[in-house]
Amino acid sequence: MKYADIEGLAKKDAFKKGIIGLVKSSGKNLLASKIRLVPESLGEPAALLDFLKEDFYLAFKTDGVGTKSLIAETMAEMARKKKWPKQRIINLYSGLGIDLIASNVNDLICLGATPLALSDEVAVGYYQKFLEVDFVSGLLKGLKKGCEEARITIPCGESPTMTDVIKKNASSITGSAIGIIRPKKKAIFGQNLTAGDAIFGLSSSGIHTNGLSLARKIAEKLPQGYFTAFGRQTAGEELLTPTRIYVRPVLEMIDQLEIHYISHISGSAFRKVSRAKKPFTYVIDNLPQPPKILTALQKWGKVSNKEAYETWNMGVGIILIAPLNQEEKMRTICRKYNVGLVRLGWLERGSKKVIIKEGLWQY
């Protein structure tokens, strides 16, 4: 079982190229307002708008929680039958609100942007979903916590009922976020990447929101499914652990240190290490210990190391590339925010690829 077959990664290339074509042809429409698309940002985690007469960029991003919401829905339905405490059921949904904010703001900061606001869209298949106290209370709890952690607000949003498009008891949770880079010289595109730079990883809190389609297929085949015992809770609850929000430590590093590139390890996982446009070989020789749930998924699903590292974050939520002499200062900031930091490897001159020495494979 491969995630690429479920998600259709390569099969969507034609559509993605079509969108890029639209950007190239429609970007000129902004010039009448003295705004332009920053070409270096195209293909990066967020797009930048250049207000030509001002010294700032506006960063823009859209993302969502993907199929992670299906785990919460499936578990909540069964948990009610099992007479779980109400707060425990609410907690199944609360992480989704944090996930929504994290999936957007963690991309914005990759270019050096300070997140400002998010517009959410919570779409359901049947309007009575918005009358479910567990769903609404949990989601609002998570959104509030995420806003506080990322220091943003949610000034607008949508709550459509999409009958026959979304299943009756399901939901689609997505959003768009904006951020600001001021002054423009603080933008990070990988323009200063140099051979010999070190590759660092910030620890993840769990599976985050990438590779959940594969994780669901594996977990659902277990004898107890999502209710399989896992430590002090269940496998499903472990999969619903909220995504870590990296806004404060990363922005502090950008402000105080020399950071050459940042990549959010989301879809395509460790392939994102080489997201920068410059042609370098990214050598990784020190992999961190993955979260226990990811190790368990590998075992349960007989997933190879190569497949796992191109599907899940395997313990690394953010990649930072910086001169080696920045490491101690980075560690000081990470300790302040209780985030783990691992030196993963280094950059070499060569063709654009990721080489993971421990597993003897490359992307």
Protein backbone atom coordinates (compact mmCIF):
# COMPACT_ATOMS: atom_id res chain seq x y z
CA MET A 1 0.00 0.00 0.00
CA LYS A 2 1.50 3.32 -1.10
CA TYR A 3 0.36 6.81 -0.18
CA ALA A 4 1.16 8.11 -3.67
CA ASP A 5 -1.40 5.69 -5.13
CA ILE A 6 -4.07 6.91 -2.71
CA GLU A 7 -3.27 10.61 -2.94
CA GLY A 8 -2.37 10.63 -6.65
CA LEU A 9 0.66 12.88 -6.22
CA ALA A 10 2.22 12.60 -9.69
CA LYS A 11 -1.17 12.27 -11.38
CA LYS A 12 -2.09 15.83 -10.38
CA ASP A 13 0.90 17.42 -12.12
CA ALA A 14 -1.08 18.42 -15.22
CA PHE A 15 -3.62 20.28 -13.10
CA LYS A 16 -0.89 22.00 -11.09
CA LYS A 17 0.91 23.09 -14.27
CA GLY A 18 -2.39 24.47 -15.54
CA ILE A 19 -2.75 26.61 -12.41
CA ILE A 20 0.80 27.88 -12.81
CA GLY A 21 -0.09 28.83 -16.36
CA LEU A 22 -3.04 30.85 -15.07
CA VAL A 23 -0.78 32.66 -12.63
CA LYS A 24 1.58 33.65 -15.42
CA SER A 25 -1.25 34.98 -17.59
CA SER A 26 -3.33 36.63 -14.86
CA GLY A 27 -0.59 38.09 -12.70
CA LYS A 28 -0.53 41.22 -14.85
CA ASN A 29 -4.02 42.08 -13.56
CA LEU A 30 -2.48 43.22 -10.29
CA LEU A 31 -0.25 45.84 -11.89
CA ALA A 32 -3.14 48.29 -12.25
CA SER A 33 -3.20 48.45 -8.44
CA LYS A 34 0.58 48.85 -8.26
CA ILE A 35 0.95 45.28 -6.98
CA ARG A 36 2.87 42.38 -8.48
CA LEU A 37 3.39 38.72 -7.74
CA VAL A 38 6.87 38.06 -6.40
CA PRO A 39 8.21 35.49 -8.90
CA GLU A 40 10.65 33.96 -6.41
CA SER A 41 7.71 32.93 -4.23
CA LEU A 42 5.99 30.83 -6.89
CA GLY A 43 6.43 27.16 -5.98
CA GLU A 44 7.20 28.06 -2.36
CA PRO A 45 4.84 27.23 0.56
CA ALA A 46 3.07 30.60 0.17
CA ALA A 47 2.73 33.27 -2.51
CA LEU A 48 3.89 36.84 -1.98
CA LEU A 49 2.29 40.05 -3.24
CA ASP A 50 4.59 43.03 -3.66
CA PHE A 51 2.97 46.40 -2.95
CA LEU A 52 5.39 48.28 -5.18
CA LYS A 53 5.21 51.63 -3.41
CA GLU A 54 5.54 50.14 0.08
CA ASP A 55 8.32 48.24 1.88
CA PHE A 56 6.41 45.06 2.69
CA TYR A 57 5.16 41.84 1.11
CA LEU A 58 1.75 40.29 1.79
CA ALA A 59 1.95 36.49 2.09
CA PHE A 60 -1.03 34.32 1.13
CA LYS A 61 -1.76 30.63 1.73
CA THR A 62 -4.65 28.11 1.58
CA ASP A 63 -4.67 24.71 3.31
CA GLY A 64 -6.78 22.39 5.44
CA VAL A 65 -6.81 19.38 7.73
CA GLY A 66 -7.37 16.88 4.91
CA THR A 67 -8.87 13.53 5.84
CA LYS A 68 -7.85 13.82 9.48
CA SER A 69 -11.41 14.96 10.23
CA LEU A 70 -12.70 11.54 9.19
CA ILE A 71 -10.87 9.94 12.13
CA ALA A 72 -12.55 12.34 14.55
CA GLU A 73 -15.98 11.69 12.99
CA THR A 74 -15.60 7.91 13.03
CA MET A 75 -14.31 7.86 16.60
CA ALA A 76 -16.94 10.28 17.93
CA GLU A 77 -19.77 8.14 16.56
CA MET A 78 -18.39 5.01 18.23
CA ALA A 79 -17.35 6.84 21.41
CA ARG A 80 -20.94 7.95 22.00
CA LYS A 81 -22.05 4.33 21.81
CA LYS A 82 -19.26 3.39 24.22
CA LYS A 83 -20.49 6.09 26.64
CA TRP A 84 -17.23 8.02 26.68
CA PRO A 85 -17.20 11.18 28.86
CA LYS A 86 -18.42 14.21 26.93
CA GLN A 87 -15.16 16.12 27.31
CA ARG A 88 -13.18 13.24 25.84
CA ILE A 89 -15.43 13.28 22.76
CA ILE A 90 -15.08 17.06 22.46
CA ASN A 91 -11.30 16.62 22.55
CA LEU A 92 -11.52 14.41 19.44
CA TYR A 93 -12.53 17.52 17.49
CA SER A 94 -10.51 20.21 19.26
CA GLY A 95 -7.21 19.28 17.63
CA LEU A 96 -8.73 19.87 14.19
CA GLY A 97 -9.04 23.59 14.89
CA ILE A 98 -5.38 23.75 15.84
CA ASP A 99 -4.49 21.68 12.77
CA LEU A 100 -6.27 24.14 10.47
CA ILE A 101 -4.34 27.09 11.80
CA ALA A 102 -1.04 25.20 11.92
CA SER A 103 -1.30 23.95 8.33
CA ASN A 104 -1.55 27.55 7.13
CA VAL A 105 0.70 29.55 9.47
CA ASN A 106 3.50 26.97 9.36
CA ASP A 107 3.67 27.59 5.60
CA LEU A 108 3.59 31.38 5.92
CA ILE A 109 6.59 31.49 8.25
CA CYS A 110 8.69 29.53 5.73
CA LEU A 111 9.10 32.74 3.72
CA GLY A 112 9.66 34.86 6.79
CA ALA A 113 6.09 36.13 7.09
CA THR A 114 4.40 37.01 10.37
CA PRO A 115 0.90 35.45 10.23
CA LEU A 116 -1.95 37.92 10.72
CA ALA A 117 -5.35 36.40 10.01
CA LEU A 118 -7.15 33.31 8.75
CA SER A 119 -10.50 32.84 7.02
CA ASP A 120 -11.99 29.40 7.68
CA GLU A 121 -14.42 27.29 5.68
CA VAL A 122 -16.11 24.48 7.60
CA ALA A 123 -18.28 22.63 5.09
CA VAL A 124 -20.64 19.80 6.10
CA GLY A 125 -22.90 17.37 4.31
CA TYR A 126 -25.94 18.04 6.51
CA TYR A 127 -26.75 21.29 8.35
CA GLN A 128 -27.50 19.48 11.63
CA LYS A 129 -23.76 18.90 11.96
CA PHE A 130 -23.59 22.50 13.18
CA LEU A 131 -26.05 21.61 15.94
CA GLU A 132 -23.78 18.88 17.37
CA VAL A 133 -22.39 20.25 20.62
CA ASP A 134 -19.35 17.95 20.58
CA PHE A 135 -18.35 19.01 17.05
CA VAL A 136 -18.92 22.74 17.50
CA SER A 137 -17.47 23.00 21.02
CA GLY A 138 -14.39 20.99 20.10
CA LEU A 139 -13.68 22.86 16.89
CA LEU A 140 -14.13 26.29 18.48
CA LYS A 141 -11.92 25.27 21.41
CA GLY A 142 -9.14 24.29 19.01
CA LEU A 143 -9.49 27.38 16.84
CA LYS A 144 -9.26 29.62 19.89
CA LYS A 145 -6.15 27.85 21.18
CA GLY A 146 -4.56 27.93 17.72
CA CYS A 147 -5.20 31.65 17.37
CA GLU A 148 -3.53 32.31 20.70
CA GLU A 149 -0.51 30.17 19.84
CA ALA A 150 -0.06 31.67 16.36
CA ARG A 151 -1.07 35.17 17.50
CA ILE A 152 -3.63 35.62 14.73
CA THR A 153 -7.35 36.29 14.42
CA ILE A 154 -10.24 34.83 12.37
CA PRO A 155 -12.21 37.82 11.06
CA CYS A 156 -14.34 35.97 8.52
CA GLY A 157 -15.25 32.53 7.20
CA GLU A 158 -17.88 30.29 5.64
CA SER A 159 -20.03 27.39 6.89
CA PRO A 160 -21.67 25.88 3.78
CA THR A 161 -23.92 22.83 3.77
CA MET A 162 -22.86 20.78 0.75
CA THR A 163 -25.53 18.09 0.50
CA ASP A 164 -24.56 15.15 -1.74
CA VAL A 165 -21.01 16.51 -2.13
CA ILE A 166 -19.93 15.73 1.43
CA LYS A 167 -21.19 12.67 3.31
CA LYS A 168 -23.96 13.30 5.83
CA ASN A 169 -21.81 13.00 8.98
CA ALA A 170 -18.57 14.33 7.49
CA SER A 171 -16.93 17.74 7.30
CA SER A 172 -14.30 19.49 5.20
CA ILE A 173 -12.20 21.97 7.17
CA THR A 174 -10.05 24.38 5.17
CA GLY A 175 -8.89 27.96 5.35
CA SER A 176 -6.81 30.75 3.86
CA ALA A 177 -4.32 32.86 5.78
CA ILE A 178 -2.38 36.04 5.23
CA GLY A 179 0.87 37.28 6.72
CA ILE A 180 3.26 40.18 6.31
CA ILE A 181 6.98 40.49 5.64
CA ARG A 182 8.28 43.90 6.62
CA PRO A 183 10.72 45.10 5.40
CA LYS A 184 10.98 43.21 2.10
CA LYS A 185 14.64 42.32 2.65
CA LYS A 186 13.54 39.83 5.35
CA ALA A 187 11.90 37.53 2.77
CA ILE A 188 13.42 34.05 2.58
CA PHE A 189 13.54 32.26 -0.80
CA GLY A 190 16.75 30.28 -0.39
CA GLN A 191 18.69 33.07 -2.10
CA ASN A 192 21.57 32.73 0.38
CA LEU A 193 21.88 28.94 0.40
CA THR A 194 25.51 27.83 0.33
CA ALA A 195 27.27 24.47 0.10
CA GLY A 196 28.23 23.48 3.65
CA ASP A 197 25.07 24.90 5.23
CA ALA A 198 23.64 22.66 7.92
CA ILE A 199 20.16 21.11 7.76
CA PHE A 200 18.22 21.28 11.03
CA GLY A 201 14.86 19.81 11.97
CA LEU A 202 12.30 20.98 14.51
CA SER A 203 10.50 18.11 16.21
CA SER A 204 6.93 17.26 15.27
CA SER A 205 4.14 16.53 17.75
CA GLY A 206 2.91 13.47 15.88
CA ILE A 207 1.57 12.73 12.42
CA HIS A 208 0.36 16.35 11.90
CA THR A 209 -1.87 16.50 8.78
CA ASN A 210 0.17 14.68 6.14
CA GLY A 211 -0.26 11.08 5.06
CA LEU A 212 -3.53 10.56 6.94
CA SER A 213 -5.16 8.70 4.06
CA LEU A 214 -2.53 5.96 4.34
CA ALA A 215 -2.62 6.05 8.14
CA ARG A 216 -6.42 5.60 8.11
CA LYS A 217 -6.22 2.61 5.79
CA ILE A 218 -3.72 0.95 8.11
CA ALA A 219 -5.48 1.76 11.40
CA GLU A 220 -8.90 0.72 10.15
CA LYS A 221 -7.59 -2.81 9.49
CA LEU A 222 -6.53 -3.33 13.09
CA PRO A 223 -8.80 -5.66 15.13
CA GLN A 224 -9.93 -2.74 17.30
CA GLY A 225 -9.46 -0.10 14.62
CA TYR A 226 -8.97 3.41 15.98
CA PHE A 227 -9.82 2.11 19.45
CA THR A 228 -6.69 -0.05 19.56
CA ALA A 229 -4.96 0.61 22.88
CA PHE A 230 -1.96 2.90 22.49
CA GLY A 231 -0.22 3.96 25.68
CA ARG A 232 -2.74 5.70 27.94
CA GLN A 233 -5.19 6.32 25.12
CA THR A 234 -6.17 4.88 21.73
CA ALA A 235 -4.44 4.81 18.36
CA GLY A 236 -7.11 7.11 16.97
CA GLU A 237 -6.60 9.70 19.69
CA GLU A 238 -2.86 9.55 19.05
CA LEU A 239 -3.47 10.22 15.35
CA LEU A 240 -5.59 13.22 16.35
CA THR A 241 -2.74 14.84 18.31
CA PRO A 242 -2.72 18.48 17.13
CA THR A 243 -0.08 19.76 14.76
CA ARG A 244 2.65 21.79 16.43
CA ILE A 245 2.51 25.52 15.64
CA TYR A 246 6.05 26.81 15.02
CA VAL A 247 5.31 30.51 14.61
CA ARG A 248 7.00 31.93 17.72
CA PRO A 249 10.31 30.00 17.70
CA VAL A 250 10.79 30.31 13.94
CA LEU A 251 10.03 34.04 13.80
CA GLU A 252 12.43 34.60 16.70
CA MET A 253 15.14 32.71 14.80
CA ILE A 254 14.48 34.75 11.66
CA ASP A 255 14.70 37.96 13.67
CA GLN A 256 17.88 37.10 15.56
CA LEU A 257 19.82 34.59 13.44
CA GLU A 258 20.99 33.89 9.90
CA ILE A 259 18.46 31.49 8.35
CA HIS A 260 18.87 30.60 4.67
CA TYR A 261 15.79 28.48 4.01
CA ILE A 262 12.74 27.01 5.75
CA SER A 263 10.52 24.16 4.61
CA HIS A 264 7.35 22.86 6.25
CA ILE A 265 7.36 19.04 6.17
CA SER A 266 3.79 18.41 5.06
CA GLY A 267 2.64 16.55 1.93
CA SER A 268 5.48 14.59 0.25
CA ALA A 269 7.29 14.69 3.60
CA PHE A 270 11.09 14.47 3.30
CA ARG A 271 10.95 15.32 -0.40
CA LYS A 272 10.25 18.84 0.87
CA VAL A 273 13.80 19.06 2.23
CA SER A 274 14.97 19.98 -1.28
CA ARG A 275 12.13 22.39 -2.06
CA ALA A 276 14.44 25.36 -2.66
CA LYS A 277 15.04 26.16 -6.31
CA LYS A 278 18.85 26.18 -6.20
CA PRO A 279 20.53 22.91 -7.28
CA PHE A 280 22.07 21.37 -4.16
CA THR A 281 22.33 17.82 -2.88
CA TYR A 282 20.80 17.54 0.58
CA VAL A 283 22.63 14.90 2.61
CA ILE A 284 20.89 13.56 5.74
CA ASP A 285 22.91 11.29 8.02
CA ASN A 286 21.20 11.80 11.39
CA LEU A 287 17.53 10.94 11.58
CA PRO A 288 15.61 11.59 14.80
CA GLN A 289 13.52 8.95 16.54
CA PRO A 290 10.03 9.11 14.94
CA PRO A 291 6.93 9.53 17.12
CA LYS A 292 5.74 6.17 18.42
CA ILE A 293 2.53 6.31 16.40
CA LEU A 294 4.48 6.59 13.14
CA THR A 295 6.72 3.66 14.08
CA ALA A 296 3.59 1.67 14.91
CA LEU A 297 1.96 2.55 11.56
CA GLN A 298 5.08 1.34 9.76
CA LYS A 299 4.93 -1.96 11.63
CA TRP A 300 1.17 -2.47 11.27
CA GLY A 301 1.13 -1.57 7.57
CA LYS A 302 4.49 -3.12 6.65
CA VAL A 303 5.55 0.28 5.28
CA SER A 304 9.17 0.54 4.11
CA ASN A 305 11.46 3.29 5.41
CA LYS A 306 11.59 4.88 1.95
CA GLU A 307 7.79 4.98 1.73
CA ALA A 308 7.43 6.27 5.29
CA TYR A 309 9.87 9.14 4.82
CA GLU A 310 8.14 10.34 1.67
CA THR A 311 4.70 10.12 3.32
CA TRP A 312 4.97 11.12 7.00
CA ASN A 313 7.08 13.73 8.79
CA MET A 314 8.84 10.98 10.81
CA GLY A 315 9.55 13.34 13.68
CA VAL A 316 10.46 16.52 11.79
CA GLY A 317 7.85 19.25 11.36
CA ILE A 318 10.03 22.08 10.03
CA ILE A 319 13.34 22.06 8.16
CA LEU A 320 15.71 24.99 8.74
CA ILE A 321 18.86 25.46 6.68
CA ALA A 322 21.46 27.75 8.19
CA PRO A 323 25.22 28.14 8.69
CA LEU A 324 26.53 25.61 11.19
CA ASN A 325 27.68 28.38 13.53
CA GLN A 326 24.03 29.30 14.21
CA GLU A 327 23.31 25.99 15.95
CA GLU A 328 23.84 26.97 19.59
CA LYS A 329 21.71 30.09 19.27
CA MET A 330 19.01 28.00 17.58
CA ARG A 331 19.09 25.53 20.47
CA THR A 332 18.68 28.34 22.99
CA ILE A 333 15.52 29.54 21.24
CA CYS A 334 14.18 25.99 20.91
CA ARG A 335 14.66 25.36 24.63
CA LYS A 336 12.72 28.55 25.35
CA TYR A 337 9.73 27.19 23.42
CA ASN A 338 10.20 23.52 24.36
CA VAL A 339 10.79 22.42 20.78
CA GLY A 340 13.32 19.73 19.91
CA LEU A 341 16.11 20.57 17.45
CA VAL A 342 18.12 17.98 15.50
CA ARG A 343 21.03 18.59 13.15
CA LEU A 344 20.09 16.32 10.26
CA GLY A 345 22.85 16.87 7.71
CA TRP A 346 24.31 19.36 5.24
CA LEU A 347 24.22 20.79 1.71
CA GLU A 348 26.64 19.77 -1.02
CA ARG A 349 27.15 21.05 -4.54
CA GLY A 350 25.48 18.73 -7.01
CA SER A 351 22.20 17.76 -8.60
CA LYS A 352 19.01 18.57 -6.72
CA LYS A 353 18.15 15.54 -4.58
CA VAL A 354 17.83 14.29 -1.02
CA ILE A 355 20.16 11.49 0.08
CA ILE A 356 19.30 9.72 3.33
CA LYS A 357 22.44 7.79 4.22
CA GLU A 358 21.00 5.79 7.10
CA GLY A 359 18.49 4.06 4.85
CA LEU A 360 20.67 4.15 1.74
CA TRP A 361 17.95 5.69 -0.41
CA GLN A 362 17.35 9.03 -2.11
CA TYR A 363 14.59 11.20 -3.60
